[in-house]
Amino acid sequence: EQEGASLYQMFCEKLDAIAGLLTEVEPYEHGRVEKIKARIEANLEQLSAITQQSIDRNRLEQEMIYYIEKLDVNEEKNRLRQHLSYFEETMDMEGASGKKMGFIAQEIGREINTLGSKSNHSEMQKIVVKMKDELEQIKEIEKHALMNALSYTTASLVRCFLKEEKEIRYPEFPEK
């Protein structure tokens, strides 16, 4: 019972850490897009000077909007928040499924990876690496819990087989 409460607390700490790191991404977002936009415009001005051809400003604006939308990470941030919340809700459900939590952890990982690939900013990428580390720790906690449950159940099976117990006992997890 004590171990279940401890595991629950560890999961919550890791989820909170990822959520906290997600808020650290926000200050870098606006400056990152402006910096990329300025770099593209400067490169195009240089190209225009070399080729002595003018740039179609309307077309440039359309391309910039398309490119900047590709760099937008708001959807990933929203989905990551939703997955973190869903993981916690799943833990709070009666008879929470470790398999389901594993699937949610995979989705969390996908959003973190997409956030990293779109970030195009060294500080944001450092934050993403920290998020990945927290997620790996969640996966390790899941493995540890599964191994403990299997060990407990296997021991009960052996005792039952040896007629030391009348029925197989499965681990019980405490109420939160």
Protein backbone atom coordinates (compact mmCIF):
# COMPACT_ATOMS: atom_id res chain seq x y z
CA GLU A 1 0.00 0.00 0.00
CA GLN A 2 2.82 2.34 0.92
CA GLU A 3 4.65 1.52 -2.32
CA GLY A 4 1.53 2.31 -4.38
CA ALA A 5 1.24 5.73 -2.75
CA SER A 6 4.94 6.30 -3.35
CA LEU A 7 4.62 5.37 -7.04
CA TYR A 8 1.61 7.65 -7.40
CA GLN A 9 3.59 10.52 -5.89
CA MET A 10 6.56 9.88 -8.20
CA PHE A 11 4.28 9.88 -11.26
CA CYS A 12 2.71 13.16 -10.15
CA GLU A 13 6.12 14.77 -9.61
CA LYS A 14 7.28 13.78 -13.10
CA LEU A 15 4.06 14.96 -14.74
CA ASP A 16 4.32 18.28 -12.89
CA ALA A 17 7.96 18.61 -13.96
CA ILE A 18 7.04 18.16 -17.64
CA ALA A 19 4.18 20.67 -17.28
CA GLY A 20 6.57 23.12 -15.63
CA LEU A 21 9.12 22.69 -18.39
CA LEU A 22 6.40 23.30 -20.95
CA THR A 23 5.79 26.75 -19.49
CA GLU A 24 9.53 27.47 -19.87
CA VAL A 25 9.18 27.11 -23.66
CA GLU A 26 6.80 30.05 -24.02
CA PRO A 27 9.27 32.95 -23.59
CA TYR A 28 11.31 31.70 -26.54
CA GLU A 29 8.44 31.32 -28.98
CA HIS A 30 7.83 34.87 -30.18
CA GLY A 31 11.49 35.85 -30.53
CA ARG A 32 12.24 32.63 -32.38
CA VAL A 33 9.70 33.32 -35.14
CA GLU A 34 10.77 36.97 -35.50
CA LYS A 35 14.43 35.95 -35.74
CA ILE A 36 13.71 33.39 -38.47
CA LYS A 37 11.57 35.88 -40.38
CA ALA A 38 14.32 38.53 -40.24
CA ARG A 39 16.97 36.00 -41.37
CA ILE A 40 14.85 34.90 -44.36
CA GLU A 41 14.21 38.51 -45.39
CA ALA A 42 17.91 39.38 -45.11
CA ASN A 43 18.89 36.38 -47.20
CA LEU A 44 16.31 37.29 -49.84
CA GLU A 45 17.57 40.88 -49.93
CA GLN A 46 21.11 39.60 -50.51
CA LEU A 47 19.87 37.26 -53.21
CA SER A 48 17.94 40.09 -54.84
CA ALA A 49 21.05 42.31 -54.83
CA ILE A 50 23.16 39.56 -56.40
CA THR A 51 20.64 38.58 -59.08
CA GLN A 52 19.39 42.14 -59.54
CA GLN A 53 15.82 40.91 -59.59
CA SER A 54 13.08 42.31 -57.42
CA ILE A 55 11.19 40.18 -54.92
CA ASP A 56 7.44 39.81 -55.15
CA ARG A 57 6.47 41.03 -51.67
CA ASN A 58 3.00 39.43 -51.78
CA ARG A 59 4.47 36.05 -52.64
CA LEU A 60 7.12 36.49 -49.94
CA GLU A 61 4.44 37.25 -47.37
CA GLN A 62 2.47 34.13 -48.37
CA GLU A 63 5.55 31.94 -48.12
CA MET A 64 6.49 33.46 -44.75
CA ILE A 65 3.04 32.76 -43.34
CA TYR A 66 3.23 29.15 -44.57
CA TYR A 67 6.73 28.66 -43.13
CA ILE A 68 5.89 30.30 -39.79
CA GLU A 69 2.76 28.14 -39.44
CA LYS A 70 4.99 25.08 -39.84
CA LEU A 71 7.04 26.31 -36.88
CA ASP A 72 4.02 26.97 -34.67
CA VAL A 73 4.05 24.69 -31.62
CA ASN A 74 0.74 25.71 -30.00
CA GLU A 75 -1.05 22.53 -31.08
CA GLU A 76 1.72 20.36 -29.68
CA LYS A 77 1.72 22.29 -26.41
CA ASN A 78 -2.06 21.95 -26.08
CA ARG A 79 -2.02 18.23 -26.85
CA LEU A 80 0.88 17.69 -24.44
CA ARG A 81 -1.09 19.43 -21.67
CA GLN A 82 -4.11 17.26 -22.49
CA HIS A 83 -2.04 14.06 -22.40
CA LEU A 84 -0.47 15.03 -19.06
CA SER A 85 -3.93 15.66 -17.63
CA TYR A 86 -5.29 12.41 -19.07
CA PHE A 87 -2.38 10.44 -17.58
CA GLU A 88 -3.19 11.86 -14.17
CA GLU A 89 -6.93 11.20 -14.61
CA THR A 90 -6.14 7.61 -15.57
CA MET A 91 -4.04 7.17 -12.42
CA ASP A 92 -6.98 8.38 -10.34
CA MET A 93 -9.42 5.92 -11.92
CA GLU A 94 -10.40 2.79 -10.05
CA GLY A 95 -8.42 -0.12 -11.48
CA ALA A 96 -6.11 2.11 -13.50
CA SER A 97 -4.55 0.23 -16.39
CA GLY A 98 -0.78 0.23 -16.65
CA LYS A 99 -1.11 -0.54 -20.35
CA LYS A 100 -3.31 2.51 -20.87
CA MET A 101 -0.84 4.66 -18.98
CA GLY A 102 1.91 3.29 -21.22
CA PHE A 103 -0.04 4.32 -24.31
CA ILE A 104 -0.57 7.80 -22.92
CA ALA A 105 3.15 8.04 -22.14
CA GLN A 106 3.85 7.21 -25.80
CA GLU A 107 1.58 10.05 -26.88
CA ILE A 108 3.35 12.40 -24.47
CA GLY A 109 6.63 11.36 -26.07
CA ARG A 110 5.32 12.04 -29.58
CA GLU A 111 4.28 15.57 -28.65
CA ILE A 112 7.60 16.25 -26.93
CA ASN A 113 9.49 14.99 -30.01
CA THR A 114 7.42 17.13 -32.38
CA LEU A 115 7.93 20.13 -30.14
CA GLY A 116 11.67 19.52 -30.32
CA SER A 117 11.77 19.09 -34.08
CA LYS A 118 9.78 22.28 -34.65
CA SER A 119 11.57 24.38 -32.04
CA ASN A 120 14.50 25.56 -34.16
CA HIS A 121 15.92 27.22 -31.03
CA SER A 122 18.73 25.92 -28.84
CA GLU A 123 17.16 26.88 -25.50
CA MET A 124 13.85 25.29 -26.46
CA GLN A 125 15.68 22.13 -27.50
CA LYS A 126 17.43 22.00 -24.11
CA ILE A 127 14.03 22.18 -22.43
CA VAL A 128 12.75 19.39 -24.68
CA VAL A 129 15.69 17.20 -23.63
CA LYS A 130 14.74 17.78 -19.99
CA MET A 131 11.14 16.81 -20.80
CA LYS A 132 12.35 13.62 -22.46
CA ASP A 133 14.40 12.81 -19.36
CA GLU A 134 11.33 13.23 -17.14
CA LEU A 135 9.28 11.04 -19.49
CA GLU A 136 11.96 8.32 -19.42
CA GLN A 137 11.76 8.37 -15.64
CA ILE A 138 7.98 7.88 -15.88
CA LYS A 139 8.58 4.85 -18.10
CA GLU A 140 11.11 3.48 -15.60
CA ILE A 141 8.60 3.91 -12.77
CA GLU A 142 6.01 2.03 -14.86
CA LYS A 143 8.48 -0.82 -15.47
CA HIS A 144 9.37 -0.96 -11.78
CA ALA A 145 5.70 -1.13 -10.78
CA LEU A 146 5.02 -3.86 -13.33
CA MET A 147 8.01 -5.92 -12.20
CA ASN A 148 6.95 -5.62 -8.56
CA ALA A 149 3.39 -6.69 -9.39
CA LEU A 150 4.67 -9.64 -11.44
CA SER A 151 7.05 -10.65 -8.67
CA TYR A 152 4.28 -10.50 -6.07
CA THR A 153 1.86 -12.48 -8.26
CA THR A 154 4.49 -15.07 -9.17
CA ALA A 155 5.32 -15.62 -5.50
CA SER A 156 1.62 -16.09 -4.75
CA LEU A 157 1.31 -18.58 -7.62
CA VAL A 158 4.20 -20.63 -6.23
CA ARG A 159 2.74 -20.62 -2.71
CA CYS A 160 -0.63 -21.68 -4.13
CA PHE A 161 1.02 -24.46 -6.11
CA LEU A 162 2.83 -25.61 -2.97
CA LYS A 163 -0.53 -25.53 -1.16
CA GLU A 164 0.66 -22.83 1.23
CA GLU A 165 -2.20 -20.61 0.04
CA LYS A 166 -5.69 -21.50 -1.13
CA GLU A 167 -5.92 -18.81 -3.82
CA ILE A 168 -3.70 -16.53 -5.85
CA ARG A 169 -3.32 -13.09 -4.34
CA TYR A 170 -2.88 -10.10 -6.59
CA PRO A 171 -1.29 -6.85 -5.45
CA GLU A 172 -3.71 -4.18 -4.29
CA PHE A 173 -3.09 -0.56 -4.98
CA PRO A 174 -4.18 2.03 -2.45
CA GLU A 175 -6.88 4.64 -2.87
CA LYS A 176 -5.54 8.11 -3.49
